[in-house]
Each structure stands twice: as C-alpha cells, then as structure tokens.
Amino acid sequence: LTDLLKQQFSTYRNHPFLLWSKGQLTYGQTDALANRLCQRLRETGLTSGSRVGILLSKSPLQAIASLAATKAGAAFLPLDLEYPPEMLSAIAHRAELSLIVTEPALAERAASCGVPCLTVEEAWLNAVPSQVAAFQGYRWQPEEVLVIINTSGTTGEPKGVMLHHFNYREAIRIHDIRLTAMTDKDVSMNFLPLTHVFEKAWTYFCLHR
C-alpha cells in the first residue's frame, strides 16, 4: 500500500478525495494533513510495529488519522465510540497501544484508557513544515500488520483481528477483477464506521481506483 498511496496522491493531487456536508478535501490537501499528523506521531517515538488507537467522531479526521498512522509505519486500531469506557480501556491494553489519536471533545474519554493521547489539532499546530516536507513515509512489508479490527463482542469479549498488508493487497486484486466498471469518475458513499472491516477494505479499493 505504500507505493499505492504515493502514486495516487501524486496522480490525483488536485482531485476531490473526501466530500462531506460542510466541504471537501482534495487528494493533495488530505495528503498534507496526514503528513503533518504523521510527523508528530513519529516524534512521540512510534516505530514500525507500534500500535495506534483512533478515537474520533465520524468525520474526515478518521481517514486522515488512519493514513497518518500508515505513513508512520504503525498499525492502527479504530475504537468504537459506542463502547463503554471500561471496554475501551480493556481493548487498549489488550492491543498494547502506544498512543491514542483523538479530538478535544473526546480527549477525556481517550485519557481514561490509561494510554498517552494526542489530539489531531495539537499535532497540526506543532508540526514543523520543513520536517513534514522531507518525510517520505515508511516502507511497509506485506507481512506487517496494517490494522486491527475488533469483533462485535456479541458472543463475549471483543476480539482483535489483525489484518496485514497482503490481506488488503489481495482484496484489491479481487475487486479489480470483479468491479471492472468502476472508474476515477465515480463517487463512493461512506456509511459504515471506521471500525467495520469492510469500510477499510472498500476505502483502500476506492483510493486504488
């Protein structure tokens, strides 16, 4: 996915990437915001193999945060806002999260997990432009974990399922075979939460096309 991200953000730099009721972001704008957050993630000491929780309301920030974690070389774990505080804390410790990316309105809830937190706004405010411009992104290997998705917990405690880069690469390959009519002129509606496994696979496929 590293090469995919770099290629698509370069090719479609001025094209709309995220559309929502209050505005839009181009590929280039999204890439720049993700790079600024990525720089701050790296400054906190994150390295390849680190795990980052994402506790954000459903908004473009979710996509930006997941892209930033990927660029930083960290696996990310979307945290469901519907989970009670004790469950969020248990998931955070079971996944051995190094950091939780959140927003001011949710900072207190994120902090209750007992894991260091970073708000997106704080990261953007303290980003150093020269360092952001020089960052090229982590070079992932296919067997490395990209995202951890929790099961619903309907049969007990939620379980973390680790999905690797090769899982998404294969999903994209199969979608390419079956969905030949989809082009870069189409628009896809995001209606599932980031915590849903299909949403992430579909998002990467749309980015690929």
C-alpha atoms as a PDB file:
ATOM      1  CA  LEU A   1       0.000   0.000   0.000  1.00  0.00           C
ATOM      2  CA  THR A   2       2.956   2.350   0.407  1.00  0.00           C
ATOM      3  CA  ASP A   3       3.506   2.669  -3.336  1.00  0.00           C
ATOM      4  CA  LEU A   4      -0.245   2.862  -3.926  1.00  0.00           C
ATOM      5  CA  LEU A   5      -0.658   5.826  -1.592  1.00  0.00           C
ATOM      6  CA  LYS A   6       2.308   7.692  -3.049  1.00  0.00           C
ATOM      7  CA  GLN A   7       1.205   7.128  -6.640  1.00  0.00           C
ATOM      8  CA  GLN A   8      -2.459   8.023  -6.215  1.00  0.00           C
ATOM      9  CA  PHE A   9      -1.896  11.141  -4.130  1.00  0.00           C
ATOM     10  CA  SER A  10       0.530  12.355  -6.777  1.00  0.00           C
ATOM     11  CA  THR A  11      -1.637  11.487  -9.789  1.00  0.00           C
ATOM     12  CA  TYR A  12      -4.898  12.926  -8.411  1.00  0.00           C
ATOM     13  CA  ARG A  13      -3.409  15.712  -6.303  1.00  0.00           C
ATOM     14  CA  ASN A  14      -5.994  18.327  -7.308  1.00  0.00           C
ATOM     15  CA  HIS A  15      -8.976  15.954  -7.492  1.00  0.00           C
ATOM     16  CA  PRO A  16     -11.582  15.719  -4.696  1.00  0.00           C
ATOM     17  CA  PHE A  17     -10.777  12.920  -2.243  1.00  0.00           C
ATOM     18  CA  LEU A  18     -13.183  13.458   0.667  1.00  0.00           C
ATOM     19  CA  LEU A  19     -16.630  15.044   0.340  1.00  0.00           C
ATOM     20  CA  TRP A  20     -18.941  15.788   3.252  1.00  0.00           C
ATOM     21  CA  SER A  21     -21.818  18.130   4.122  1.00  0.00           C
ATOM     22  CA  LYS A  22     -19.560  21.014   5.149  1.00  0.00           C
ATOM     23  CA  GLY A  23     -16.898  20.878   2.463  1.00  0.00           C
ATOM     24  CA  GLN A  24     -14.294  18.774   0.692  1.00  0.00           C
ATOM     25  CA  LEU A  25     -10.590  17.960   0.622  1.00  0.00           C
ATOM     26  CA  THR A  26      -8.509  17.177  -2.425  1.00  0.00           C
ATOM     27  CA  TYR A  27      -6.005  14.320  -2.531  1.00  0.00           C
ATOM     28  CA  GLY A  28      -3.221  16.868  -2.078  1.00  0.00           C
ATOM     29  CA  GLN A  29      -4.836  18.552   0.933  1.00  0.00           C
ATOM     30  CA  THR A  30      -5.573  15.203   2.584  1.00  0.00           C
ATOM     31  CA  ASP A  31      -2.011  14.059   1.979  1.00  0.00           C
ATOM     32  CA  ALA A  32      -0.588  17.257   3.508  1.00  0.00           C
ATOM     33  CA  LEU A  33      -2.755  16.964   6.646  1.00  0.00           C
ATOM     34  CA  ALA A  34      -1.868  13.276   7.039  1.00  0.00           C
ATOM     35  CA  ASN A  35       1.845  14.101   6.701  1.00  0.00           C
ATOM     36  CA  ARG A  36       1.628  16.737   9.434  1.00  0.00           C
ATOM     37  CA  LEU A  37      -0.041  14.286  11.812  1.00  0.00           C
ATOM     38  CA  CYS A  38       2.410  11.562  10.770  1.00  0.00           C
ATOM     39  CA  GLN A  39       5.357  13.748  11.704  1.00  0.00           C
ATOM     40  CA  ARG A  40       4.008  14.253  15.227  1.00  0.00           C
ATOM     41  CA  LEU A  41       3.307  10.518  15.570  1.00  0.00           C
ATOM     42  CA  ARG A  42       6.935   9.767  14.731  1.00  0.00           C
ATOM     43  CA  GLU A  43       8.115  12.408  17.188  1.00  0.00           C
ATOM     44  CA  THR A  44       6.278  10.636  20.018  1.00  0.00           C
ATOM     45  CA  GLY A  45       8.569   7.659  19.467  1.00  0.00           C
ATOM     46  CA  LEU A  46       6.368   5.480  17.274  1.00  0.00           C
ATOM     47  CA  THR A  47       8.294   2.988  15.161  1.00  0.00           C
ATOM     48  CA  SER A  48       7.373   0.178  12.811  1.00  0.00           C
ATOM     49  CA  GLY A  49       5.289  -2.333  14.721  1.00  0.00           C
ATOM     50  CA  SER A  50       3.819   0.258  17.101  1.00  0.00           C
ATOM     51  CA  ARG A  51       0.056   0.285  17.505  1.00  0.00           C
ATOM     52  CA  VAL A  52      -2.090   3.421  17.482  1.00  0.00           C
ATOM     53  CA  GLY A  53      -5.695   3.698  18.613  1.00  0.00           C
ATOM     54  CA  ILE A  54      -8.033   6.067  16.751  1.00  0.00           C
ATOM     55  CA  LEU A  55     -10.870   7.504  18.834  1.00  0.00           C
ATOM     56  CA  LEU A  56     -12.605  10.098  16.666  1.00  0.00           C
ATOM     57  CA  SER A  57     -16.141  11.035  15.737  1.00  0.00           C
ATOM     58  CA  LYS A  58     -17.168  10.031  12.244  1.00  0.00           C
ATOM     59  CA  SER A  59     -15.614  12.713  10.064  1.00  0.00           C
ATOM     60  CA  PRO A  60     -12.774  13.229   7.560  1.00  0.00           C
ATOM     61  CA  LEU A  61     -10.413  13.125  10.550  1.00  0.00           C
ATOM     62  CA  GLN A  62     -10.840   9.355  10.680  1.00  0.00           C
ATOM     63  CA  ALA A  63      -9.470   8.899   7.177  1.00  0.00           C
ATOM     64  CA  ILE A  64      -6.658  11.388   7.801  1.00  0.00           C
ATOM     65  CA  ALA A  65      -5.624   9.702  11.064  1.00  0.00           C
ATOM     66  CA  SER A  66      -5.556   6.213   9.545  1.00  0.00           C
ATOM     67  CA  LEU A  67      -3.456   7.472   6.616  1.00  0.00           C
ATOM     68  CA  ALA A  68      -1.077   9.202   9.030  1.00  0.00           C
ATOM     69  CA  ALA A  69      -0.606   6.029  11.079  1.00  0.00           C
ATOM     70  CA  THR A  70       0.070   4.050   7.907  1.00  0.00           C
ATOM     71  CA  LYS A  71       2.640   6.594   6.731  1.00  0.00           C
ATOM     72  CA  ALA A  72       4.310   6.450  10.164  1.00  0.00           C
ATOM     73  CA  GLY A  73       4.670   2.660   9.991  1.00  0.00           C
ATOM     74  CA  ALA A  74       2.233   1.951  12.816  1.00  0.00           C
ATOM     75  CA  ALA A  75      -0.709  -0.432  12.809  1.00  0.00           C
ATOM     76  CA  PHE A  76      -3.923   1.350  13.762  1.00  0.00           C
ATOM     77  CA  LEU A  77      -6.915   0.194  15.759  1.00  0.00           C
ATOM     78  CA  PRO A  78     -10.225   2.093  15.301  1.00  0.00           C
ATOM     79  CA  LEU A  79     -12.002   2.459  18.666  1.00  0.00           C
ATOM     80  CA  ASP A  80     -15.792   2.386  18.651  1.00  0.00           C
ATOM     81  CA  LEU A  81     -17.448   5.358  20.382  1.00  0.00           C
ATOM     82  CA  GLU A  82     -20.358   3.101  21.332  1.00  0.00           C
ATOM     83  CA  TYR A  83     -18.167   1.005  23.631  1.00  0.00           C
ATOM     84  CA  PRO A  84     -18.370   1.835  27.367  1.00  0.00           C
ATOM     85  CA  PRO A  85     -15.189   3.308  28.947  1.00  0.00           C
ATOM     86  CA  GLU A  86     -14.186   0.076  30.679  1.00  0.00           C
ATOM     87  CA  MET A  87     -14.366  -1.847  27.405  1.00  0.00           C
ATOM     88  CA  LEU A  88     -12.320   0.788  25.572  1.00  0.00           C
ATOM     89  CA  SER A  89      -9.684   0.620  28.295  1.00  0.00           C
ATOM     90  CA  ALA A  90      -9.562  -3.192  28.148  1.00  0.00           C
ATOM     91  CA  ILE A  91      -9.201  -3.152  24.343  1.00  0.00           C
ATOM     92  CA  ALA A  92      -6.449  -0.502  24.507  1.00  0.00           C
ATOM     93  CA  HIS A  93      -4.381  -2.536  26.975  1.00  0.00           C
ATOM     94  CA  ARG A  94      -5.005  -5.863  25.268  1.00  0.00           C
ATOM     95  CA  ALA A  95      -3.826  -4.383  21.962  1.00  0.00           C
ATOM     96  CA  GLU A  96      -0.800  -2.808  23.680  1.00  0.00           C
ATOM     97  CA  LEU A  97      -1.485   0.604  22.167  1.00  0.00           C
ATOM     98  CA  SER A  98       1.380   3.080  22.307  1.00  0.00           C
ATOM     99  CA  LEU A  99      -0.845   6.102  21.678  1.00  0.00           C
ATOM    100  CA  ILE A 100      -4.438   7.141  21.022  1.00  0.00           C
ATOM    101  CA  VAL A 101      -5.214   9.788  18.388  1.00  0.00           C
ATOM    102  CA  THR A 102      -8.325  11.720  19.341  1.00  0.00           C
ATOM    103  CA  GLU A 103     -10.019  15.148  19.278  1.00  0.00           C
ATOM    104  CA  PRO A 104     -10.591  17.720  22.059  1.00  0.00           C
ATOM    105  CA  ALA A 105     -14.207  16.693  22.670  1.00  0.00           C
ATOM    106  CA  LEU A 106     -13.133  13.076  23.252  1.00  0.00           C
ATOM    107  CA  ALA A 107      -9.764  13.702  24.942  1.00  0.00           C
ATOM    108  CA  GLU A 108     -11.030  12.953  28.454  1.00  0.00           C
ATOM    109  CA  ARG A 109     -12.575   9.679  27.323  1.00  0.00           C
ATOM    110  CA  ALA A 110      -9.400   8.701  25.491  1.00  0.00           C
ATOM    111  CA  ALA A 111      -7.250   9.545  28.519  1.00  0.00           C
ATOM    112  CA  SER A 112      -9.375   7.242  30.694  1.00  0.00           C
ATOM    113  CA  CYS A 113      -7.909   4.308  28.731  1.00  0.00           C
ATOM    114  CA  GLY A 114      -4.597   4.869  30.503  1.00  0.00           C
ATOM    115  CA  VAL A 115      -2.678   5.364  27.234  1.00  0.00           C
ATOM    116  CA  PRO A 116      -0.883   8.565  26.089  1.00  0.00           C
ATOM    117  CA  CYS A 117      -3.111  10.681  23.841  1.00  0.00           C
ATOM    118  CA  LEU A 118      -2.561  13.141  21.011  1.00  0.00           C
ATOM    119  CA  THR A 119      -5.262  15.351  19.537  1.00  0.00           C
ATOM    120  CA  VAL A 120      -5.195  15.925  15.800  1.00  0.00           C
ATOM    121  CA  GLU A 121      -5.398  19.680  16.354  1.00  0.00           C
ATOM    122  CA  GLU A 122      -2.341  19.624  18.640  1.00  0.00           C
ATOM    123  CA  ALA A 123      -0.389  17.646  16.057  1.00  0.00           C
ATOM    124  CA  TRP A 124      -1.198  20.089  13.253  1.00  0.00           C
ATOM    125  CA  LEU A 125      -0.397  23.103  15.427  1.00  0.00           C
ATOM    126  CA  ASN A 126       3.071  21.795  16.359  1.00  0.00           C
ATOM    127  CA  ALA A 127       4.082  20.290  13.017  1.00  0.00           C
ATOM    128  CA  VAL A 128       7.363  21.594  11.582  1.00  0.00           C
ATOM    129  CA  PRO A 129       6.840  22.323   7.830  1.00  0.00           C
ATOM    130  CA  SER A 130      10.418  21.514   6.798  1.00  0.00           C
ATOM    131  CA  GLN A 131      10.308  18.126   8.512  1.00  0.00           C
ATOM    132  CA  VAL A 132       6.890  17.353   7.047  1.00  0.00           C
ATOM    133  CA  ALA A 133       8.129  18.154   3.527  1.00  0.00           C
ATOM    134  CA  ALA A 134      11.176  15.908   3.942  1.00  0.00           C
ATOM    135  CA  PHE A 135       9.265  12.866   5.218  1.00  0.00           C
ATOM    136  CA  GLN A 136       8.878  10.092   2.638  1.00  0.00           C
ATOM    137  CA  GLY A 137       6.787   7.590   4.597  1.00  0.00           C
ATOM    138  CA  TYR A 138       7.533   4.171   5.997  1.00  0.00           C
ATOM    139  CA  ARG A 139       8.296   1.348   3.573  1.00  0.00           C
ATOM    140  CA  TRP A 140       5.935  -1.447   4.593  1.00  0.00           C
ATOM    141  CA  GLN A 141       6.456  -5.181   4.121  1.00  0.00           C
ATOM    142  CA  PRO A 142       3.492  -7.386   3.021  1.00  0.00           C
ATOM    143  CA  GLU A 143       3.511  -9.479   6.220  1.00  0.00           C
ATOM    144  CA  GLU A 144       3.296  -6.472   8.570  1.00  0.00           C
ATOM    145  CA  VAL A 145       0.038  -5.676  10.356  1.00  0.00           C
ATOM    146  CA  LEU A 146      -1.830  -2.712   8.867  1.00  0.00           C
ATOM    147  CA  VAL A 147      -4.975  -2.548  11.002  1.00  0.00           C
ATOM    148  CA  ILE A 148      -6.551  -4.319  13.970  1.00  0.00           C
ATOM    149  CA  ILE A 149     -10.341  -4.615  13.816  1.00  0.00           C
ATOM    150  CA  ASN A 150     -12.332  -5.696  16.867  1.00  0.00           C
ATOM    151  CA  THR A 151     -15.166  -8.176  16.556  1.00  0.00           C
ATOM    152  CA  SER A 152     -18.586  -7.037  17.758  1.00  0.00           C
ATOM    153  CA  GLY A 153     -18.349  -8.876  21.081  1.00  0.00           C
ATOM    154  CA  THR A 154     -21.866 -10.323  20.716  1.00  0.00           C
ATOM    155  CA  THR A 155     -20.596 -13.755  21.766  1.00  0.00           C
ATOM    156  CA  GLY A 156     -18.348 -12.455  24.561  1.00  0.00           C
ATOM    157  CA  GLU A 157     -15.425 -10.047  24.753  1.00  0.00           C
ATOM    158  CA  PRO A 158     -14.488  -8.243  21.504  1.00  0.00           C
ATOM    159  CA  LYS A 159     -11.501  -9.904  19.877  1.00  0.00           C
ATOM    160  CA  GLY A 160      -8.869  -8.075  17.868  1.00  0.00           C
ATOM    161  CA  VAL A 161      -8.352  -9.403  14.348  1.00  0.00           C
ATOM    162  CA  MET A 162      -5.025  -8.442  12.783  1.00  0.00           C
ATOM    163  CA  LEU A 163      -5.146  -7.665   9.072  1.00  0.00           C
ATOM    164  CA  HIS A 164      -1.878  -7.483   7.178  1.00  0.00           C
ATOM    165  CA  HIS A 165      -0.864  -5.517   4.116  1.00  0.00           C
ATOM    166  CA  PHE A 166      -1.095  -8.635   1.961  1.00  0.00           C
ATOM    167  CA  ASN A 167      -4.750  -9.088   3.049  1.00  0.00           C
ATOM    168  CA  TYR A 168      -5.640  -5.710   1.583  1.00  0.00           C
ATOM    169  CA  ARG A 169      -3.460  -6.222  -1.474  1.00  0.00           C
ATOM    170  CA  GLU A 170      -5.346  -9.443  -2.245  1.00  0.00           C
ATOM    171  CA  ALA A 171      -8.734  -7.793  -1.589  1.00  0.00           C
ATOM    172  CA  ILE A 172      -7.838  -5.015  -4.034  1.00  0.00           C
ATOM    173  CA  ARG A 173      -6.723  -7.573  -6.639  1.00  0.00           C
ATOM    174  CA  ILE A 174     -10.035  -9.467  -6.427  1.00  0.00           C
ATOM    175  CA  HIS A 175     -12.102  -6.263  -6.528  1.00  0.00           C
ATOM    176  CA  ASP A 176     -10.195  -5.230  -9.660  1.00  0.00           C
ATOM    177  CA  ILE A 177     -11.276  -8.448 -11.370  1.00  0.00           C
ATOM    178  CA  ARG A 178     -14.936  -8.237 -10.365  1.00  0.00           C
ATOM    179  CA  LEU A 179     -15.626  -4.486 -10.453  1.00  0.00           C
ATOM    180  CA  THR A 180     -14.327  -3.523 -13.873  1.00  0.00           C
ATOM    181  CA  ALA A 181     -16.927  -0.777 -14.462  1.00  0.00           C
ATOM    182  CA  MET A 182     -15.707   1.442 -11.611  1.00  0.00           C
ATOM    183  CA  THR A 183     -13.558   4.416 -12.710  1.00  0.00           C
ATOM    184  CA  ASP A 184     -11.965   7.523 -11.210  1.00  0.00           C
ATOM    185  CA  LYS A 185     -15.131   9.431 -12.164  1.00  0.00           C
ATOM    186  CA  ASP A 186     -17.271   7.564  -9.622  1.00  0.00           C
ATOM    187  CA  VAL A 187     -18.098   8.662  -6.064  1.00  0.00           C
ATOM    188  CA  SER A 188     -18.422   6.169  -3.211  1.00  0.00           C
ATOM    189  CA  MET A 189     -20.558   6.866  -0.132  1.00  0.00           C
ATOM    190  CA  ASN A 190     -19.043   6.050   3.261  1.00  0.00           C
ATOM    191  CA  PHE A 191     -21.821   4.854   5.573  1.00  0.00           C
ATOM    192  CA  LEU A 192     -20.144   2.284   7.813  1.00  0.00           C
ATOM    193  CA  PRO A 193     -17.979   3.177  10.823  1.00  0.00           C
ATOM    194  CA  LEU A 194     -14.192   3.016  10.553  1.00  0.00           C
ATOM    195  CA  THR A 195     -14.345   0.071  12.961  1.00  0.00           C
ATOM    196  CA  HIS A 196     -16.021  -2.073  10.287  1.00  0.00           C
ATOM    197  CA  VAL A 197     -13.657  -4.323   8.335  1.00  0.00           C
ATOM    198  CA  PHE A 198     -15.474  -3.781   5.022  1.00  0.00           C
ATOM    199  CA  GLU A 199     -15.201   0.002   5.300  1.00  0.00           C
ATOM    200  CA  LYS A 200     -11.409  -0.084   5.414  1.00  0.00           C
ATOM    201  CA  ALA A 201     -11.067  -2.549   2.525  1.00  0.00           C
ATOM    202  CA  TRP A 202     -13.502  -0.546   0.391  1.00  0.00           C
ATOM    203  CA  THR A 203     -11.785   2.754   1.230  1.00  0.00           C
ATOM    204  CA  TYR A 204      -8.417   1.413   0.052  1.00  0.00           C
ATOM    205  CA  PHE A 205     -10.008  -0.002  -3.085  1.00  0.00           C
ATOM    206  CA  CYS A 206     -11.584   3.391  -3.916  1.00  0.00           C
ATOM    207  CA  LEU A 207      -8.229   5.040  -3.315  1.00  0.00           C
ATOM    208  CA  HIS A 208      -6.648   2.484  -5.650  1.00  0.00           C
ATOM    209  CA  ARG A 209      -9.150   3.127  -8.462  1.00  0.00           C
END
